[in-house]
Protein backbone atom coordinates (compact mmCIF):
# COMPACT_ATOMS: atom_id res chain seq x y z
CA UNK A 1 -9.47 -61.52 104.42
CA UNK A 2 -13.32 -60.29 103.99
CA UNK A 3 -15.29 -61.28 106.71
CA UNK A 4 -19.17 -61.55 107.07
CA UNK A 5 -19.36 -60.39 110.72
CA UNK A 6 -19.93 -56.60 111.44
CA UNK A 7 -16.60 -55.35 113.38
CA UNK A 8 -16.48 -53.81 116.25
CA UNK A 9 -15.69 -49.99 116.34
CA UNK A 10 -12.15 -50.02 117.61
CA UNK A 11 -10.81 -46.96 115.89
CA UNK A 12 -11.57 -44.33 118.78
CA UNK A 13 -9.16 -44.25 121.61
CA UNK A 14 -6.76 -47.10 120.02
CA UNK A 15 -2.85 -46.07 119.68
CA UNK A 16 -0.45 -46.72 116.85
CA UNK A 17 -0.17 -50.45 115.61
CA UNK A 18 3.30 -51.64 115.10
CA UNK A 19 4.31 -53.93 111.94
CA UNK A 20 4.95 -56.62 114.81
CA UNK A 21 1.79 -56.70 116.03
CA UNK A 22 0.14 -56.93 112.49
CA UNK A 23 2.32 -59.87 111.98
CA UNK A 24 1.47 -61.99 115.25
CA UNK A 25 -2.37 -61.18 114.44
CA UNK A 26 -1.99 -62.28 110.92
CA UNK A 27 -0.38 -65.14 111.98
CA UNK A 28 -2.67 -65.99 115.35
CA UNK A 29 -5.66 -65.52 112.46
CA UNK A 30 -4.33 -68.23 110.10
CA UNK A 31 -3.74 -70.61 112.69
CA UNK A 32 -7.18 -70.59 114.39
CA UNK A 33 -8.52 -71.26 111.10
CA UNK A 34 -6.01 -73.70 109.98
CA UNK A 35 -4.77 -71.45 106.63
CA UNK A 36 -1.08 -71.72 107.38
CA UNK A 37 -1.33 -74.80 104.64
CA UNK A 38 -2.54 -72.41 102.09
CA UNK A 39 0.14 -69.30 102.70
CA UNK A 40 2.73 -69.76 100.67
CA UNK A 41 4.76 -66.81 99.07
CA UNK A 42 3.20 -67.75 95.61
CA UNK A 43 -0.66 -67.63 96.85
CA UNK A 44 -0.12 -64.63 99.43
CA UNK A 45 1.50 -62.45 96.19
CA UNK A 46 -1.68 -63.52 94.36
CA UNK A 47 -3.63 -62.74 96.51
CA UNK A 48 -1.97 -59.27 97.21
CA UNK A 49 -2.26 -57.89 93.50
CA UNK A 50 -5.74 -58.99 93.37
CA UNK A 51 -6.50 -56.54 96.46
CA UNK A 52 -4.03 -54.08 94.53
CA UNK A 53 -7.02 -54.81 91.68
CA UNK A 54 -9.52 -53.82 93.63
CA UNK A 55 -7.80 -51.04 95.10
CA UNK A 56 -6.96 -49.73 91.84
CA UNK A 57 -10.60 -49.73 90.77
CA UNK A 58 -11.66 -47.24 93.35
CA UNK A 59 -9.65 -44.42 92.14
CA UNK A 60 -9.85 -46.15 88.26
CA UNK A 61 -12.49 -43.49 86.83
CA UNK A 62 -11.89 -40.44 89.56
CA UNK A 63 -8.98 -38.98 87.47
CA UNK A 64 -6.89 -36.98 90.11
CA UNK A 65 -8.02 -36.47 93.69
CA UNK A 66 -6.76 -33.98 95.73
CA UNK A 67 -4.97 -34.22 99.29
CA UNK A 68 -7.22 -35.70 102.00
CA UNK A 69 -10.53 -36.66 99.81
CA UNK A 70 -12.56 -33.54 100.72
CA UNK A 71 -15.21 -34.41 98.36
CA UNK A 72 -15.34 -38.08 99.47
CA UNK A 73 -17.98 -39.46 101.03
CA UNK A 74 -17.82 -41.03 104.65
CA UNK A 75 -18.59 -44.36 103.10
CA UNK A 76 -15.97 -44.25 100.06
CA UNK A 77 -13.33 -43.41 102.58
CA UNK A 78 -14.09 -46.21 104.74
CA UNK A 79 -14.01 -48.64 101.60
CA UNK A 80 -10.94 -46.97 100.64
CA UNK A 81 -9.59 -48.00 104.27
CA UNK A 82 -10.96 -51.53 104.12
CA UNK A 83 -9.36 -52.17 100.46
CA UNK A 84 -5.55 -50.34 101.58
CA UNK A 85 -6.01 -52.72 104.71
CA UNK A 86 -6.25 -55.88 102.63
CA UNK A 87 -2.94 -54.57 101.03
CA UNK A 88 -1.22 -54.09 103.98
CA UNK A 89 -2.23 -57.21 105.55
CA UNK A 90 -1.23 -59.51 102.90
CA UNK A 91 1.94 -57.86 102.60
CA UNK A 92 3.08 -58.09 106.37
CA UNK A 93 2.07 -61.77 105.87
CA UNK A 94 3.97 -62.41 102.75
CA UNK A 95 6.94 -60.70 104.53
CA UNK A 96 6.58 -62.71 107.67
CA UNK A 97 6.18 -66.05 105.54
CA UNK A 98 9.63 -65.36 103.66
CA UNK A 99 11.45 -64.52 106.64
CA UNK A 100 11.71 -60.63 105.99
CA UNK A 101 11.86 -58.01 108.49
CA UNK A 102 9.34 -55.95 106.78
CA UNK A 103 10.60 -52.64 109.36
CA UNK A 104 13.79 -53.07 109.02
CA UNK A 105 13.75 -53.63 105.08
CA UNK A 106 11.93 -50.53 104.90
CA UNK A 107 14.14 -48.73 107.00
CA UNK A 108 17.17 -49.62 105.27
CA UNK A 109 15.25 -48.57 101.73
CA UNK A 110 15.01 -45.53 103.04
CA UNK A 111 18.42 -44.86 103.94
CA UNK A 112 19.53 -46.20 100.14
CA UNK A 113 16.87 -43.44 98.68
CA UNK A 114 18.46 -40.72 100.91
CA UNK A 115 21.60 -41.76 99.46
CA UNK A 116 20.91 -41.87 96.08
CA UNK A 117 18.97 -39.05 95.89
CA UNK A 118 20.60 -36.27 97.80
CA UNK A 119 18.39 -33.01 98.73
CA UNK A 120 21.02 -30.61 96.94
CA UNK A 121 20.79 -32.37 93.67
CA UNK A 122 17.03 -33.26 93.35
CA UNK A 123 15.00 -31.47 95.47
CA UNK A 124 11.71 -30.64 93.53
CA UNK A 125 12.74 -33.20 91.09
CA UNK A 126 10.74 -36.63 89.98
CA UNK A 127 14.00 -37.54 87.70
CA UNK A 128 14.70 -41.10 88.08
CA UNK A 129 18.33 -42.51 89.24
CA UNK A 130 19.57 -43.06 85.94
CA UNK A 131 19.17 -39.64 85.02
CA UNK A 132 21.06 -38.02 88.20
CA UNK A 133 24.31 -39.53 86.54
CA UNK A 134 24.41 -37.64 83.48
CA UNK A 135 23.64 -34.50 84.76
CA UNK A 136 25.55 -34.25 87.74
CA UNK A 137 28.18 -34.42 85.26
CA UNK A 138 27.05 -31.73 83.15
CA UNK A 139 26.82 -29.70 86.60
CA UNK A 140 30.11 -30.15 87.67
CA UNK A 141 31.61 -29.07 84.21
CA UNK A 142 29.22 -25.96 84.27
CA UNK A 143 30.84 -24.96 87.76
CA UNK A 144 34.31 -25.79 86.93
CA UNK A 145 34.33 -23.43 83.95
CA UNK A 146 32.17 -20.50 86.00
CA UNK A 147 35.27 -20.64 88.65
CA UNK A 148 37.92 -20.54 86.08
CA UNK A 149 36.31 -17.65 84.36
CA UNK A 150 36.13 -15.48 87.22
CA UNK A 151 39.63 -15.92 88.36
CA UNK A 152 41.60 -15.80 84.96
CA UNK A 153 39.41 -13.85 82.67
CA UNK A 154 37.43 -15.29 79.66
CA UNK A 155 39.58 -15.70 76.31
CA UNK A 156 38.36 -16.46 72.68
CA UNK A 157 39.32 -20.13 72.93
CA UNK A 158 37.51 -20.20 76.54
CA UNK A 159 34.23 -19.13 75.08
CA UNK A 160 34.44 -21.22 71.80
CA UNK A 161 34.86 -23.83 74.43
CA UNK A 162 32.06 -22.84 76.92
CA UNK A 163 29.73 -22.74 73.72
CA UNK A 164 30.63 -26.12 72.73
CA UNK A 165 30.12 -27.18 76.20
CA UNK A 166 26.52 -25.41 76.27
CA UNK A 167 25.65 -27.17 72.98
CA UNK A 168 26.55 -30.20 74.72
CA UNK A 169 24.48 -29.68 77.99
CA UNK A 170 21.48 -28.98 75.50
CA UNK A 171 21.93 -31.84 73.51
CA UNK A 172 22.29 -33.59 76.75
CA UNK A 173 18.89 -32.11 78.17
CA UNK A 174 16.85 -33.21 74.82
CA UNK A 175 18.44 -36.86 75.35
CA UNK A 176 17.15 -37.09 78.90
CA UNK A 177 13.93 -35.57 78.17
CA UNK A 178 13.68 -38.47 75.01
CA UNK A 179 14.71 -40.68 78.27
CA UNK A 180 11.86 -39.48 80.39
CA UNK A 181 9.39 -39.88 77.65
CA UNK A 182 10.37 -43.45 76.41
CA UNK A 183 10.61 -44.45 80.33
CA UNK A 184 6.74 -42.69 80.80
CA UNK A 185 5.80 -44.95 77.70
CA UNK A 186 7.34 -48.06 79.26
CA UNK A 187 5.69 -47.04 82.65
CA UNK A 188 2.07 -46.63 80.76
CA UNK A 189 2.73 -50.19 79.23
CA UNK A 190 3.78 -51.63 82.50
CA UNK A 191 0.39 -50.44 84.01
CA UNK A 192 -1.84 -51.87 81.23
CA UNK A 193 0.19 -55.22 81.79
CA UNK A 194 -0.21 -55.05 85.62
CA UNK A 195 -4.05 -54.42 84.78
CA UNK A 196 -4.39 -58.01 82.71
CA UNK A 197 -2.37 -59.56 85.05
CA UNK A 198 -4.81 -58.12 87.86
CA UNK A 199 -8.05 -59.17 85.92
CA UNK A 200 -6.39 -62.28 85.20
CA UNK A 201 -5.90 -63.31 88.63
CA UNK A 202 -8.91 -62.04 89.81
CA UNK A 203 -10.92 -64.19 87.31
CA UNK A 204 -8.58 -67.10 88.74
CA UNK A 205 -9.59 -66.55 92.18
CA UNK A 206 -13.26 -66.36 91.42
CA UNK A 207 -13.21 -69.71 89.72
CA UNK A 208 -11.50 -71.29 92.25
CA UNK A 209 -14.48 -69.85 94.76
CA UNK A 210 -16.76 -70.86 92.33
CA UNK A 211 -15.20 -74.19 92.37
CA UNK A 212 -15.12 -74.67 96.07
CA UNK A 213 -18.64 -73.55 96.07
CA UNK A 214 -19.70 -76.01 93.76
CA UNK A 215 -18.08 -78.88 95.59
CA UNK A 216 -19.60 -77.76 99.20
CA UNK A 217 -22.84 -78.14 97.61
CA UNK A 218 -22.19 -81.36 96.36
């Protein structure tokens, strides 16, 4: 999707663009250039991964950056916008070829996330869904204990039971922390694997491009 011609400056005064408009423009772009024959789901996915790799390279050695990228030059932001656009366009094209209404699918996923991560439980926390069921059970037990204490007074047996529950709660927190650390390790391993795959895809695409160039010259 890299073009050689200088694009027109249409950024000023334009209205928001819908996914449907992008889908139509991508379909027209492919049809006009007879590229539908190459736009299989697999090919589009590989191209998408390659573009994600190029996006990754922009941030690779910058560490954490503040929102709005205040220290970036305008040329760097423009480059970032181009790479983000490549990712979006390939994603829109892939969803179209697969027969997925991306807008509806995204809204449905947001609704699912709202159910799985209720504000009352996970506000201000980055815990994964798998950790909430355990912590919710622990909190419910603690709330019930507090209610009984205020209504009936605290006996020695009750105090002993609360100590056991507190010990269990602390043990649960340790387990959750261990799970979180393990999850971070797995995610880091997955990121490393993704980097390798992205690099492999990019090398394959370069080989294909070089081969096409050789054929055209011959």
